[in-house]
Amino acid sequence: MRIRLSGGLVTVALMFSVTFSGCGGGESRPKTARVSGTVTLQGKPLEGATVHFIGEKFAGSGKTNAEGHYELVQGAVPGKNKIYISKRPLPANVNLDPEAGVDLGQLSAATAAAEDDPTGNTPKSQVPKEEVPEEFSNPQKSTLTLDVPAGGTTSADFRL
């Protein structure tokens, strides 16, 4: 019996096998600890920001609520973690739709291309402006770190 698959089906099958190859065998996800806290910017709760913890072998994130409180969805690896916090609210006329292939990365790339167009004919997209200072929001430049205890913490607070 001979089975023929189109290129799209092969790609989907490969992505599925790579995505789930770690389930039930091989290298497992590192043990994580629960982490939560509060983020303030200039003394006020920072609502709608994403808090990212980056450990040696695992990255976790969580979103702040109206009080600036967050909890990492999958926790963080105990030990030293680098942290960056980002908030990029979308302008009212911008609608990101990841299912249609439009995400923040593509919007940023379109804006960069428009800015580099010497003719000025490319329509400029509106990439949301980062509201958190670069020293805290840029993953490469962030000065924030936290030594996550093995038992986790509820007081991973950041006053920006």
Protein backbone atom coordinates (compact mmCIF):
# COMPACT_ATOMS: atom_id res chain seq x y z
CA MET A 1 0.00 0.00 0.00
CA ARG A 2 1.36 3.41 -0.95
CA ILE A 3 0.36 6.60 0.85
CA ARG A 4 0.96 10.04 -0.60
CA LEU A 5 0.88 13.12 1.59
CA SER A 6 0.88 16.67 0.39
CA GLY A 7 3.62 19.01 1.64
CA GLY A 8 1.17 20.71 4.02
CA LEU A 9 0.14 17.44 5.64
CA VAL A 10 3.76 16.37 6.03
CA THR A 11 4.56 19.69 7.70
CA VAL A 12 1.61 19.34 10.08
CA ALA A 13 2.58 15.77 10.90
CA LEU A 14 6.18 16.78 11.59
CA MET A 15 5.12 19.70 13.78
CA PHE A 16 2.77 17.42 15.72
CA SER A 17 5.47 14.82 16.30
CA VAL A 18 8.06 17.42 17.39
CA THR A 19 5.56 19.17 19.67
CA PHE A 20 4.54 16.01 21.47
CA SER A 21 7.81 14.06 21.30
CA GLY A 22 8.66 15.13 24.86
CA CYS A 23 5.44 13.69 26.27
CA GLY A 24 6.00 10.45 28.13
CA GLY A 25 9.70 10.11 27.42
CA GLY A 26 12.95 11.85 26.68
CA GLU A 27 13.83 15.08 28.43
CA SER A 28 11.09 16.24 30.77
CA ARG A 29 10.13 19.75 31.80
CA PRO A 30 12.15 20.98 34.79
CA LYS A 31 10.51 21.18 38.20
CA THR A 32 9.00 24.61 38.72
CA ALA A 33 7.81 26.59 41.72
CA ARG A 34 4.74 28.82 41.99
CA VAL A 35 5.57 32.50 41.67
CA SER A 36 3.32 35.53 42.06
CA GLY A 37 3.66 39.16 43.02
CA THR A 38 2.77 42.71 42.12
CA VAL A 39 4.17 45.12 39.53
CA THR A 40 3.97 48.88 39.93
CA LEU A 41 5.19 51.60 37.58
CA GLN A 42 5.87 55.01 39.10
CA GLY A 43 4.00 53.93 42.24
CA LYS A 44 0.81 52.78 40.44
CA PRO A 45 -0.30 49.19 39.71
CA LEU A 46 0.68 48.19 36.18
CA GLU A 47 -2.34 46.51 34.59
CA GLY A 48 -2.08 44.41 31.42
CA ALA A 49 1.67 43.83 31.54
CA THR A 50 3.32 40.49 30.86
CA VAL A 51 5.92 39.38 33.41
CA HIS A 52 8.54 36.99 31.99
CA PHE A 53 10.88 34.83 34.12
CA ILE A 54 13.77 33.23 32.24
CA GLY A 55 15.70 30.46 33.97
CA GLU A 56 18.52 28.34 32.62
CA LYS A 57 16.21 25.75 31.03
CA PHE A 58 12.70 27.16 31.36
CA ALA A 59 10.77 30.39 30.83
CA GLY A 60 7.46 31.24 32.46
CA SER A 61 5.14 34.21 32.19
CA GLY A 62 2.01 35.75 33.63
CA LYS A 63 -0.22 38.77 33.03
CA THR A 64 -0.94 41.52 35.57
CA ASN A 65 -4.50 42.38 36.58
CA ALA A 66 -5.97 45.79 37.51
CA GLU A 67 -4.14 45.71 40.86
CA GLY A 68 -0.83 44.87 39.17
CA HIS A 69 -0.95 41.32 40.59
CA TYR A 70 0.34 38.41 38.48
CA GLU A 71 0.96 34.69 38.82
CA LEU A 72 3.22 32.77 36.45
CA VAL A 73 1.07 30.29 34.55
CA GLN A 74 3.60 27.43 34.72
CA GLY A 75 5.77 28.79 37.51
CA ALA A 76 9.52 29.37 37.35
CA VAL A 77 12.57 27.19 37.85
CA PRO A 78 14.05 27.59 41.34
CA GLY A 79 17.30 29.53 41.29
CA LYS A 80 18.37 32.68 39.50
CA ASN A 81 15.93 33.99 36.89
CA LYS A 82 16.21 36.99 34.64
CA ILE A 83 12.99 38.99 34.46
CA TYR A 84 11.59 41.38 31.93
CA ILE A 85 8.21 43.08 32.00
CA SER A 86 6.44 44.35 28.91
CA LYS A 87 3.25 46.26 28.20
CA ARG A 88 2.30 47.19 24.66
CA PRO A 89 -1.36 48.20 24.47
CA LEU A 90 -2.79 48.05 20.97
CA PRO A 91 -4.13 51.22 19.36
CA ALA A 92 -7.90 51.16 18.89
CA ASN A 93 -7.59 50.77 15.10
CA VAL A 94 -5.25 47.74 15.28
CA ASN A 95 -6.70 44.25 15.48
CA LEU A 96 -4.27 41.38 15.90
CA ASP A 97 -5.63 38.01 14.85
CA PRO A 98 -3.08 35.19 15.37
CA GLU A 99 -5.47 32.71 13.73
CA ALA A 100 -5.37 34.83 10.56
CA GLY A 101 -1.58 35.04 10.79
CA VAL A 102 -1.36 38.57 12.22
CA ASP A 103 0.59 38.77 15.46
CA LEU A 104 2.70 41.40 17.21
CA GLY A 105 5.90 40.14 15.57
CA GLN A 106 4.42 40.50 12.08
CA LEU A 107 3.09 43.95 12.93
CA SER A 108 6.58 44.98 14.11
CA ALA A 109 8.16 43.61 10.91
CA ALA A 110 5.63 45.49 8.75
CA THR A 111 6.37 48.72 10.60
CA ALA A 112 10.13 48.25 10.18
CA ALA A 113 9.67 47.59 6.45
CA ALA A 114 7.52 50.71 6.09
CA GLU A 115 10.10 52.82 7.88
CA ASP A 116 12.88 51.45 5.62
CA ASP A 117 10.96 52.08 2.39
CA PRO A 118 12.85 54.89 0.61
CA THR A 119 9.81 55.68 -1.58
CA GLY A 120 7.51 56.19 1.39
CA ASN A 121 4.80 54.24 -0.45
CA THR A 122 4.49 51.41 2.09
CA PRO A 123 1.63 52.07 4.53
CA LYS A 124 2.92 52.46 8.05
CA SER A 125 1.58 50.00 10.60
CA GLN A 126 1.10 51.02 14.17
CA VAL A 127 3.28 48.94 16.43
CA PRO A 128 2.18 49.46 20.01
CA LYS A 129 4.58 51.61 22.01
CA GLU A 130 6.27 49.92 24.96
CA GLU A 131 5.07 51.53 28.20
CA VAL A 132 7.71 49.97 30.45
CA PRO A 133 11.19 51.53 30.39
CA GLU A 134 13.69 49.57 28.28
CA GLU A 135 15.88 48.72 31.28
CA PHE A 136 12.99 46.49 32.48
CA SER A 137 11.20 45.55 29.21
CA ASN A 138 14.05 44.57 26.89
CA PRO A 139 14.97 40.89 27.43
CA GLN A 140 18.63 41.55 26.60
CA LYS A 141 18.97 44.73 28.69
CA SER A 142 16.71 44.07 31.68
CA THR A 143 18.35 44.63 35.04
CA LEU A 144 15.72 42.61 36.91
CA THR A 145 16.61 39.26 38.48
CA LEU A 146 15.14 37.08 41.20
CA ASP A 147 16.47 34.03 43.01
CA VAL A 148 13.32 31.87 43.08
CA PRO A 149 13.14 29.70 46.21
CA ALA A 150 12.41 25.99 45.75
CA GLY A 151 9.12 26.43 47.62
CA GLY A 152 8.06 29.33 45.39
CA THR A 153 7.06 32.83 46.46
CA THR A 154 4.02 35.08 46.61
CA SER A 155 6.08 38.23 47.00
CA ALA A 156 7.98 38.55 43.70
CA ASP A 157 7.17 42.26 43.56
CA PHE A 158 8.68 44.71 41.11
CA ARG A 159 8.58 48.47 41.64
CA LEU A 160 9.56 50.08 38.35
